[in-house]
Amino acid sequence: MDIKKTLEYSKAADNGLADMVEIDELNKASLVFNLANRYKKNQIYTYVGPILLALNPFGPVKGISGPEVMKLY
């Protein structure tokens, strides 16, 4: 199912906004589409105002996880 064809969503979500408070037309389709765009770019952290949403990438994300990051801790 292609969300673009079936549901109305905010065009602001096309770029994958880091803070979903900036979405001009807030609805389910806009939220899901924005998260999907950010997930495709390995941007797994997204804000909704002061709330942080984290998507599980089911794998390492460069700069966030991996042996080099583990050594820092």
C-alpha atoms as a PDB file:
ATOM      1  CA  MET A   1       0.000   0.000   0.000  1.00  0.00           C
ATOM      2  CA  ASP A   2       1.410   3.352  -1.039  1.00  0.00           C
ATOM      3  CA  ILE A   3       0.577   5.932   1.636  1.00  0.00           C
ATOM      4  CA  LYS A   4       0.963   8.776  -0.889  1.00  0.00           C
ATOM      5  CA  LYS A   5      -1.831   7.392  -3.057  1.00  0.00           C
ATOM      6  CA  THR A   6      -4.290   6.419  -0.336  1.00  0.00           C
ATOM      7  CA  LEU A   7      -4.029   9.068   2.390  1.00  0.00           C
ATOM      8  CA  GLU A   8      -3.746  12.828   2.475  1.00  0.00           C
ATOM      9  CA  TYR A   9      -0.502  13.897   4.134  1.00  0.00           C
ATOM     10  CA  SER A  10       1.368  17.128   4.710  1.00  0.00           C
ATOM     11  CA  LYS A  11       3.858  18.057   1.986  1.00  0.00           C
ATOM     12  CA  ALA A  12       6.139  19.287   4.800  1.00  0.00           C
ATOM     13  CA  ALA A  13       6.684  15.619   5.698  1.00  0.00           C
ATOM     14  CA  ASP A  14       8.305  14.975   2.288  1.00  0.00           C
ATOM     15  CA  ASN A  15      11.694  16.059   3.612  1.00  0.00           C
ATOM     16  CA  GLY A  16      11.399  14.246   6.948  1.00  0.00           C
ATOM     17  CA  LEU A  17      11.085  16.901   9.625  1.00  0.00           C
ATOM     18  CA  ALA A  18      13.196  16.415  12.766  1.00  0.00           C
ATOM     19  CA  ASP A  19      10.434  17.954  14.940  1.00  0.00           C
ATOM     20  CA  MET A  20       6.924  16.928  13.956  1.00  0.00           C
ATOM     21  CA  VAL A  21       5.499  20.013  15.645  1.00  0.00           C
ATOM     22  CA  GLU A  22       6.462  21.749  12.384  1.00  0.00           C
ATOM     23  CA  ILE A  23       4.025  19.645  10.325  1.00  0.00           C
ATOM     24  CA  ASP A  24       1.362  22.022   9.065  1.00  0.00           C
ATOM     25  CA  GLU A  25      -1.363  19.409   8.549  1.00  0.00           C
ATOM     26  CA  LEU A  26      -1.256  17.017  11.484  1.00  0.00           C
ATOM     27  CA  ASN A  27      -2.905  13.653  10.857  1.00  0.00           C
ATOM     28  CA  LYS A  28      -1.991   9.966  10.955  1.00  0.00           C
ATOM     29  CA  ALA A  29      -0.730   9.893   7.388  1.00  0.00           C
ATOM     30  CA  SER A  30       1.591  12.871   7.943  1.00  0.00           C
ATOM     31  CA  LEU A  31       3.066  11.333  11.096  1.00  0.00           C
ATOM     32  CA  VAL A  32       3.658   7.914   9.534  1.00  0.00           C
ATOM     33  CA  PHE A  33       5.002   9.368   6.276  1.00  0.00           C
ATOM     34  CA  ASN A  34       7.405  11.661   8.144  1.00  0.00           C
ATOM     35  CA  LEU A  35       8.688   8.798  10.304  1.00  0.00           C
ATOM     36  CA  ALA A  36       9.086   6.571   7.235  1.00  0.00           C
ATOM     37  CA  ASN A  37      11.126   9.235   5.433  1.00  0.00           C
ATOM     38  CA  ARG A  38      13.416   9.705   8.417  1.00  0.00           C
ATOM     39  CA  TYR A  39      13.781   5.929   8.903  1.00  0.00           C
ATOM     40  CA  LYS A  40      14.918   5.528   5.273  1.00  0.00           C
ATOM     41  CA  LYS A  41      17.679   8.078   5.989  1.00  0.00           C
ATOM     42  CA  ASN A  42      18.721   6.260   9.215  1.00  0.00           C
ATOM     43  CA  GLN A  43      17.463   9.227  11.223  1.00  0.00           C
ATOM     44  CA  ILE A  44      15.852   7.114  13.912  1.00  0.00           C
ATOM     45  CA  TYR A  45      15.273   9.936  16.425  1.00  0.00           C
ATOM     46  CA  THR A  46      12.371  12.329  15.836  1.00  0.00           C
ATOM     47  CA  TYR A  47      10.859  14.905  18.175  1.00  0.00           C
ATOM     48  CA  VAL A  48       7.253  15.830  18.801  1.00  0.00           C
ATOM     49  CA  GLY A  49       7.883  18.989  20.813  1.00  0.00           C
ATOM     50  CA  PRO A  50       9.651  17.834  24.005  1.00  0.00           C
ATOM     51  CA  ILE A  51       8.900  14.140  23.329  1.00  0.00           C
ATOM     52  CA  LEU A  52      11.534  11.979  21.620  1.00  0.00           C
ATOM     53  CA  LEU A  53      10.405   9.126  19.362  1.00  0.00           C
ATOM     54  CA  ALA A  54      12.990   6.447  18.578  1.00  0.00           C
ATOM     55  CA  LEU A  55      12.493   3.912  15.805  1.00  0.00           C
ATOM     56  CA  ASN A  56      14.312   0.612  16.115  1.00  0.00           C
ATOM     57  CA  PRO A  57      16.434   0.196  12.961  1.00  0.00           C
ATOM     58  CA  PHE A  58      17.050  -3.536  13.643  1.00  0.00           C
ATOM     59  CA  GLY A  59      20.682  -2.958  12.842  1.00  0.00           C
ATOM     60  CA  PRO A  60      23.634  -0.676  13.444  1.00  0.00           C
ATOM     61  CA  VAL A  61      23.361   2.991  12.513  1.00  0.00           C
ATOM     62  CA  LYS A  62      26.676   4.651  11.680  1.00  0.00           C
ATOM     63  CA  GLY A  63      27.657   7.212  14.310  1.00  0.00           C
ATOM     64  CA  ILE A  64      25.072   5.992  16.808  1.00  0.00           C
ATOM     65  CA  SER A  65      26.040   2.365  17.368  1.00  0.00           C
ATOM     66  CA  GLY A  66      28.973   0.114  16.632  1.00  0.00           C
ATOM     67  CA  PRO A  67      32.349  -0.787  18.115  1.00  0.00           C
ATOM     68  CA  GLU A  68      33.774   2.750  17.941  1.00  0.00           C
ATOM     69  CA  VAL A  69      30.830   4.176  19.907  1.00  0.00           C
ATOM     70  CA  MET A  70      30.994   1.327  22.431  1.00  0.00           C
ATOM     71  CA  LYS A  71      34.658   2.162  23.111  1.00  0.00           C
ATOM     72  CA  LEU A  72      33.637   5.696  24.095  1.00  0.00           C
ATOM     73  CA  TYR A  73      31.601   4.283  26.940  1.00  0.00           C
END
